[in-house]
Structures are given as structure tokens and as C-alpha cells.
């Protein structure tokens, strides 16, 4: 759904369309509004939440479908961010429409052929976010078919269980997606899934962990030969690492994840934003001695 506000959407393929930019913004705008009970922020957030409710089709899809010639392309990645927003909204409001909306959407996902589900780069990498939302709904409703969908999502997500490699080396993907096997562990109870997440965490840091502050050096992507503190990390990577830490401590009760979250927040994340939180830098390097205070 895309209410025509503030120009936060673009036109692609003849219709209103938004990708991750708006959905990320709404996700955190909602959190701030609900936590701090800010009337203006909550009002702004509800514009988007209500728009999603109104735009959901009978079959469950709720965004504009992008056309490539005669074929409709479904991109599941931005939807995962919407689901996080709705989960936060439900926990604040107990609005029962959220449960109906998510169930209808997950039934849609159940009916998508496997060869058309989580096929592109971003959605395939980040399927763990979709998985987490399915478990969230299952823990409320207890409907068994949701576990079947969880298995489908896990099997269609990129393989984050490799012993000595990763599906890709994009820093945000690593910080966000390494938790997927541990998330699936909640259903499988197979220790291999849990250990795979720990292995991913250690694997990237063994080579690219010369960067202090809980992260690893990668700029956009981790690249062999570029392993020292001259390499930075995206601000998005900081945020996703802290999100992963929060989810993992709830799964494992291992204080390592709380320690890492604190490390990233106090030693990395705050260096990436201005004190008024109105500006940030794309990539932050430990030895970046001078940070421009000028917008570009």
C-alpha cells in the first residue's frame, strides 16, 4: 500500500510502488511512536498501517505487483518489513485485524509455487525475517499449517549453514541473515541449525574482525585483502546486527548477544549519526578521524 504522502514512493511499471526505503522508515517510525507515545508519530504511522489493511487483496497480497512484460513479479522482501511493523503495532494495540491480515498473507505465501518463492537476491538472502514473523503468529494462534510454511521458507532461503563460506558477503545481509538457522532451530530442535548461526558470526569476524565495536570491516561487501580498520560498516549493518542480537538472546538466552548489542550500540552506531539524529553517514570506519558535519 502506498498512501500518497510526502513523495515517499515512486512510479514503476505504471503503478505506485515502494521498496525497502519506505518500509524501513515506517518500521522504526512506528516503534518510536509507540514507545514514546508521540501523537504525531503515531498518527503518521497509522496512515501506512491503515493503507496496508485497505489494499490487501482477497488472496492476501497487499502491494503493487510489478510487471515484466506480461509476467507479474512478486517481491517478498519489503513485505517482511511491513510484517515487523504490524507485529509491533499489535503488541502495542492488540488490534485483531493484524492477526487476520498476517494469516491471510501467509496463506498466500503457502500457495505460491516453490520455484516462484524467494527467488531474487534480497528476498532469498533475508527469508529469515519472514520466518521469524511466521513463528510470531504461530505463537499467538497455534495454527499447525504455519509450521509447514516455516519449513517452506527455510528451504527456499539462501543457505546460511555453510561451514567455511557465506551465501554472499554484503555486510547488511550478513548482520541480518546469519540468525536464520537459529530461528529455524526453534522448530527443528536440531543443534546443527543453532551452531550454524554461531559459526556464521565467528566466520566473518575471523577474517574481517579487525574492526572494533562489535562489527566487521566490509564497507558494502567484505572483500579479501581489505581486512583492516580502514574498512567501515554501513549504518544499516549496525541496526541489523542489533536486531539479530535481540532476537538471538530471546532464542538462546546466551548473554553473548546482549554484550554484542551493547558493543555495537555504544561503540559503533552512535558514531554513525549526528547528536540530533537528523543525519547519518553511510559507512563508518574506526579510523575515520574527521567526520564532516555537512550534508551532501
Protein backbone atom coordinates (compact mmCIF):
# COMPACT_ATOMS: atom_id res chain seq x y z
CA UNK A 1 0.00 0.00 0.00
CA UNK A 2 1.22 3.48 -0.70
CA UNK A 3 -0.71 6.48 0.58
CA UNK A 4 0.34 9.46 -1.48
CA UNK A 5 2.17 11.32 1.29
CA UNK A 6 5.49 13.11 1.33
CA UNK A 7 6.59 11.70 -2.01
CA UNK A 8 7.95 8.57 -0.37
CA UNK A 9 7.01 6.40 -3.33
CA UNK A 10 7.99 6.12 -6.94
CA UNK A 11 6.13 5.02 -10.02
CA UNK A 12 7.38 1.84 -11.64
CA UNK A 13 5.58 -0.21 -14.25
CA UNK A 14 2.58 2.10 -14.30
CA UNK A 15 1.60 1.99 -10.62
CA UNK A 16 2.56 3.18 -7.18
CA UNK A 17 5.36 1.07 -5.80
CA UNK A 18 7.66 1.22 -2.80
CA UNK A 19 10.58 -0.95 -1.87
CA UNK A 20 12.62 -1.14 1.33
CA UNK A 21 13.19 2.57 1.85
CA UNK A 22 9.66 3.41 2.94
CA UNK A 23 9.04 0.14 4.75
CA UNK A 24 12.22 0.53 6.83
CA UNK A 25 11.23 4.08 7.66
CA UNK A 26 7.70 3.10 8.73
CA UNK A 27 9.01 0.21 10.81
CA UNK A 28 11.16 2.42 13.01
CA UNK A 29 8.81 5.38 12.91
CA UNK A 30 6.16 3.08 14.39
CA UNK A 31 8.47 1.83 17.12
CA UNK A 32 9.37 5.34 18.20
CA UNK A 33 5.76 6.45 18.14
CA UNK A 34 4.51 3.54 20.21
CA UNK A 35 7.33 3.54 22.76
CA UNK A 36 7.27 7.28 23.39
CA UNK A 37 3.52 7.75 22.91
CA UNK A 38 4.18 10.54 20.43
CA UNK A 39 0.81 11.58 18.93
CA UNK A 40 2.20 12.98 15.68
CA UNK A 41 4.42 9.97 15.03
CA UNK A 42 1.63 7.53 15.82
CA UNK A 43 -0.76 9.40 13.53
CA UNK A 44 1.77 9.31 10.71
CA UNK A 45 2.45 5.61 11.26
CA UNK A 46 -1.26 4.76 11.22
CA UNK A 47 -1.62 6.24 7.74
CA UNK A 48 0.57 3.41 6.46
CA UNK A 49 -0.87 0.69 8.67
CA UNK A 50 -4.41 1.55 7.59
CA UNK A 51 -3.35 1.73 3.96
CA UNK A 52 -1.98 -1.81 4.14
CA UNK A 53 -5.28 -3.01 5.61
CA UNK A 54 -7.27 -1.38 2.82
CA UNK A 55 -5.05 -2.52 -0.01
CA UNK A 56 -4.83 -6.21 0.91
CA UNK A 57 -6.40 -8.29 -1.82
CA UNK A 58 -8.72 -11.18 -1.15
CA UNK A 59 -5.95 -13.65 -1.93
CA UNK A 60 -3.66 -12.00 0.65
CA UNK A 61 -1.16 -9.93 -1.37
CA UNK A 62 -1.07 -6.26 -0.34
CA UNK A 63 1.39 -4.44 -2.56
CA UNK A 64 1.52 -3.34 -6.16
CA UNK A 65 2.67 -6.16 -8.41
CA UNK A 66 5.48 -5.21 -10.77
CA UNK A 67 5.07 -6.26 -14.37
CA UNK A 68 7.90 -7.55 -16.53
CA UNK A 69 6.15 -7.73 -19.85
CA UNK A 70 3.12 -9.93 -19.22
CA UNK A 71 4.54 -11.56 -16.08
CA UNK A 72 3.79 -10.24 -12.61
CA UNK A 73 6.77 -10.19 -10.28
CA UNK A 74 6.26 -10.65 -6.55
CA UNK A 75 8.98 -9.23 -4.29
CA UNK A 76 8.56 -10.61 -0.77
CA UNK A 77 11.42 -8.70 0.85
CA UNK A 78 9.75 -5.31 1.56
CA UNK A 79 6.70 -7.18 2.88
CA UNK A 80 8.86 -8.67 5.62
CA UNK A 81 9.47 -5.17 6.99
CA UNK A 82 5.74 -4.45 6.93
CA UNK A 83 5.15 -7.62 8.96
CA UNK A 84 7.61 -6.44 11.63
CA UNK A 85 5.73 -3.13 11.81
CA UNK A 86 2.40 -4.90 12.19
CA UNK A 87 3.80 -7.14 14.92
CA UNK A 88 4.98 -4.10 16.88
CA UNK A 89 1.63 -2.41 16.33
CA UNK A 90 -0.28 -5.47 17.58
CA UNK A 91 1.85 -5.74 20.70
CA UNK A 92 1.05 -2.10 21.39
CA UNK A 93 -2.66 -2.13 20.50
CA UNK A 94 -3.88 -5.76 20.39
CA UNK A 95 -5.68 -4.81 17.16
CA UNK A 96 -7.09 -8.14 15.98
CA UNK A 97 -7.01 -7.03 12.36
CA UNK A 98 -3.25 -7.60 12.40
CA UNK A 99 -3.70 -11.33 13.04
CA UNK A 100 -6.26 -11.64 10.24
CA UNK A 101 -4.07 -9.66 7.86
CA UNK A 102 -0.98 -11.76 8.55
CA UNK A 103 -2.84 -15.07 8.37
CA UNK A 104 -4.33 -14.13 5.03
CA UNK A 105 -0.91 -13.11 3.72
CA UNK A 106 0.77 -16.28 4.95
CA UNK A 107 -1.93 -18.38 3.28
CA UNK A 108 -1.00 -16.54 0.09
CA UNK A 109 2.65 -17.49 0.62
CA UNK A 110 1.63 -21.11 1.18
CA UNK A 111 0.04 -21.17 -2.27
CA UNK A 112 2.95 -19.60 -4.17
CA UNK A 113 4.80 -22.31 -6.15
CA UNK A 114 8.19 -23.06 -4.62
CA UNK A 115 10.00 -22.11 -7.82
CA UNK A 116 8.47 -18.61 -7.62
CA UNK A 117 9.00 -18.04 -3.91
CA UNK A 118 12.01 -16.10 -2.50
CA UNK A 119 13.85 -16.29 -5.81
CA UNK A 120 15.59 -12.91 -6.13
CA UNK A 121 18.77 -11.83 -4.34
CA UNK A 122 17.41 -9.77 -1.44
CA UNK A 123 14.35 -11.83 -0.56
CA UNK A 124 16.26 -15.09 -0.80
CA UNK A 125 19.04 -13.78 1.45
CA UNK A 126 16.62 -12.35 4.02
CA UNK A 127 13.99 -15.07 4.25
CA UNK A 128 14.80 -15.39 7.95
CA UNK A 129 12.81 -12.20 8.61
CA UNK A 130 9.75 -13.81 7.02
CA UNK A 131 10.39 -16.95 9.08
CA UNK A 132 10.52 -15.00 12.34
CA UNK A 133 7.15 -13.38 11.60
CA UNK A 134 5.56 -16.76 10.89
CA UNK A 135 6.71 -18.03 14.29
CA UNK A 136 5.40 -14.85 15.91
CA UNK A 137 1.93 -15.53 14.53
CA UNK A 138 2.14 -19.24 15.35
CA UNK A 139 2.92 -18.44 18.99
CA UNK A 140 -0.35 -16.48 19.16
CA UNK A 141 -2.69 -18.65 17.07
CA UNK A 142 -1.08 -22.11 17.29
CA UNK A 143 -2.25 -23.00 13.76
CA UNK A 144 -0.18 -26.01 12.57
CA UNK A 145 -0.06 -25.02 8.90
CA UNK A 146 2.14 -22.09 9.85
CA UNK A 147 4.91 -24.57 10.71
CA UNK A 148 4.56 -26.05 7.24
CA UNK A 149 5.02 -22.57 5.79
CA UNK A 150 8.06 -22.07 8.05
CA UNK A 151 9.67 -25.17 6.54
CA UNK A 152 8.97 -23.86 3.05
CA UNK A 153 10.56 -20.51 3.89
CA UNK A 154 13.64 -22.14 5.42
CA UNK A 155 14.13 -24.41 2.41
CA UNK A 156 13.78 -21.50 -0.03
CA UNK A 157 16.09 -19.14 1.87
CA UNK A 158 19.79 -18.89 1.00
CA UNK A 159 21.97 -21.44 2.77
CA UNK A 160 23.41 -19.78 5.87
CA UNK A 161 24.65 -23.14 7.15
CA UNK A 162 27.88 -23.42 5.16
CA UNK A 163 30.92 -24.36 7.20
CA UNK A 164 33.51 -22.09 5.60
CA UNK A 165 31.62 -19.66 3.37
CA UNK A 166 28.51 -17.48 3.21
CA UNK A 167 25.83 -17.16 0.50
CA UNK A 168 27.01 -13.60 -0.17
CA UNK A 169 29.31 -11.09 1.52
CA UNK A 170 27.12 -7.99 1.68
CA UNK A 171 27.58 -6.59 5.17
CA UNK A 172 23.90 -5.89 5.88
CA UNK A 173 22.87 -9.33 4.68
CA UNK A 174 25.43 -10.95 6.96
CA UNK A 175 24.35 -8.94 10.02
CA UNK A 176 20.69 -9.61 9.26
CA UNK A 177 20.64 -13.14 7.87
CA UNK A 178 23.14 -15.09 9.95
CA UNK A 179 20.41 -15.59 12.55
CA UNK A 180 18.14 -17.56 10.16
CA UNK A 181 19.36 -21.07 11.09
CA UNK A 182 18.97 -20.34 14.81
CA UNK A 183 15.46 -19.04 14.14
CA UNK A 184 14.57 -22.30 12.40
CA UNK A 185 16.11 -24.19 15.34
CA UNK A 186 13.03 -23.20 17.35
CA UNK A 187 11.09 -25.63 15.15
CA UNK A 188 13.69 -28.22 14.18
CA UNK A 189 15.37 -28.59 17.59
CA UNK A 190 18.41 -29.65 15.56
CA UNK A 191 21.58 -28.32 17.18
CA UNK A 192 23.17 -28.03 13.73
CA UNK A 193 20.88 -25.10 12.99
CA UNK A 194 21.80 -23.31 16.20
CA UNK A 195 25.52 -23.94 15.73
CA UNK A 196 25.37 -22.65 12.15
CA UNK A 197 24.42 -19.19 13.39
CA UNK A 198 27.32 -19.16 15.85
CA UNK A 199 29.61 -20.34 13.06
CA UNK A 200 28.48 -17.54 10.73
CA UNK A 201 29.04 -14.97 13.47
CA UNK A 202 32.57 -16.21 14.11
CA UNK A 203 33.42 -16.89 10.46
CA UNK A 204 33.04 -13.29 9.30
CA UNK A 205 34.93 -11.96 12.30
CA UNK A 206 37.87 -14.33 11.98
CA UNK A 207 38.87 -12.65 8.73
CA UNK A 208 37.21 -9.24 8.77
CA UNK A 209 37.02 -8.63 12.51
CA UNK A 210 39.91 -6.19 12.76
CA UNK A 211 37.23 -3.54 13.23
CA UNK A 212 36.41 -2.85 16.90
CA UNK A 213 32.94 -2.09 18.14
CA UNK A 214 31.21 -5.42 17.68
CA UNK A 215 31.16 -5.43 13.90
CA UNK A 216 33.41 -6.40 10.98
CA UNK A 217 35.00 -4.46 8.15
CA UNK A 218 33.17 -4.69 4.88
CA UNK A 219 32.14 -1.29 3.53
CA UNK A 220 29.46 -2.51 1.09
CA UNK A 221 30.84 -6.03 0.80
CA UNK A 222 33.51 -7.96 2.68
CA UNK A 223 36.45 -8.42 0.26
CA UNK A 224 39.60 -10.46 0.70
CA UNK A 225 42.61 -8.23 1.15
CA UNK A 226 40.52 -5.47 2.71
CA UNK A 227 40.51 -6.59 6.32
CA UNK A 228 41.85 -3.73 8.42
CA UNK A 229 40.15 -0.82 10.26
CA UNK A 230 40.19 1.31 7.13
CA UNK A 231 37.12 -0.69 6.14
CA UNK A 232 33.84 0.57 7.53
CA UNK A 233 30.39 -0.84 8.05
CA UNK A 234 27.07 0.51 6.84
CA UNK A 235 24.80 2.09 9.40
CA UNK A 236 22.19 -0.41 8.18
CA UNK A 237 24.59 -3.17 9.23
CA UNK A 238 24.77 -1.77 12.77
CA UNK A 239 20.98 -1.69 13.03
CA UNK A 240 20.52 -5.20 11.69
CA UNK A 241 23.24 -6.65 13.92
CA UNK A 242 21.49 -5.21 16.97
CA UNK A 243 18.17 -6.59 15.75
CA UNK A 244 19.76 -10.01 15.32
CA UNK A 245 21.28 -9.80 18.78
CA UNK A 246 17.89 -9.04 20.31
CA UNK A 247 16.21 -11.95 18.54
CA UNK A 248 19.02 -14.35 19.35
CA UNK A 249 19.07 -13.63 23.05
CA UNK A 250 15.35 -14.42 23.14
CA UNK A 251 16.04 -17.75 21.38
CA UNK A 252 19.23 -18.81 23.15
CA UNK A 253 19.37 -16.87 26.46
CA UNK A 254 23.09 -16.52 25.70
CA UNK A 255 24.40 -13.21 27.15
CA UNK A 256 26.92 -13.05 24.29
CA UNK A 257 24.21 -11.46 22.16
CA UNK A 258 23.38 -8.82 24.77
CA UNK A 259 27.09 -8.00 25.04
CA UNK A 260 27.42 -7.70 21.29
CA UNK A 261 24.35 -5.48 21.03
CA UNK A 262 25.76 -3.14 23.68
CA UNK A 263 29.14 -3.13 21.94
CA UNK A 264 27.63 -2.20 18.57
CA UNK A 265 25.31 0.42 20.03
CA UNK A 266 27.80 2.28 22.22
CA UNK A 267 30.96 1.91 20.13
CA UNK A 268 29.72 1.90 16.55
CA UNK A 269 26.14 3.00 16.00
CA UNK A 270 26.33 6.32 17.85
CA UNK A 271 29.39 7.25 15.79
CA UNK A 272 27.32 6.91 12.62
CA UNK A 273 24.71 9.54 13.46
CA UNK A 274 24.70 13.20 14.43
CA UNK A 275 23.66 14.06 18.01
CA UNK A 276 20.27 15.34 16.84
CA UNK A 277 19.76 12.07 14.89
CA UNK A 278 18.83 14.00 11.74
CA UNK A 279 21.84 12.91 9.70
CA UNK A 280 23.96 9.78 9.37
CA UNK A 281 26.88 8.60 7.37
CA UNK A 282 26.52 5.65 5.04
CA UNK A 283 29.67 3.87 6.20
CA UNK A 284 31.61 4.39 9.43
CA UNK A 285 35.30 3.49 9.76
CA UNK A 286 37.11 3.15 13.12
CA UNK A 287 39.99 5.28 11.96
CA UNK A 288 37.85 7.94 10.29
CA UNK A 289 39.37 10.75 12.38
CA UNK A 290 37.45 13.55 10.72
CA UNK A 291 33.70 13.35 10.13
CA UNK A 292 32.21 16.12 8.02
CA UNK A 293 29.23 17.87 9.55
CA UNK A 294 27.96 18.93 6.16
CA UNK A 295 25.02 17.44 4.28
CA UNK A 296 25.64 16.41 0.69
